[in-house]
Amino acid sequence: MEITTKFLGEVKIDEQDILTFEHGLLGLEEEKKFVLLPIDADLPLAILQSVERREIGFVVAYPFAFKKDYSFEISEDDLEQLHLEKEEDVLTYSIVTMKETFQDSTINLLAPLIINLDKKCGKQIVLQDSKSYPLRYPMQSLEGSAK
């Protein structure tokens, strides 16, 4: 199927790649169907695009590339809602707030997007440690690995 995106124009996607966020995203609870679109294979960035609304798309980043000691526990309720059984099925992204320069841009470490690649579902969770994981963490340099 073909969708119109916020950043990339018309893009063909496979329906099997559509991710369902049963509870939507924070502030966008009605948006439930998204797709991840790669930007560049060498960058830890992607686009999370609503399948149904062109204007709803976010630059997302692999948070471990920007804060190498980033880690958190996923609650039992979230594990159950995400149907997560194996660690290798988990993909984590964080929403990026783009500024004029990449160095001024920030990444939301407080509310990561947890995606179950196997079941094609996701959830945005809110962590409790806002001091270690701020809402606006500077993306000044790559600290960790995108692998």
Foldseek 3Di string as FASTA:
>chain_A
DWAQAQPPGIDDDDPVQWAFACQAAVVCRVQGTWGWACDDPVAQWTKTTGRPDRNDIFIKGQVCQQPVPQDDDDDPVRCVVQVDDDPVQWGKIWTKDDDPDLQAIFTQQQWIWIHRNVVRYIYTHGHPPCVVGPGGHGSNDTDHDSD
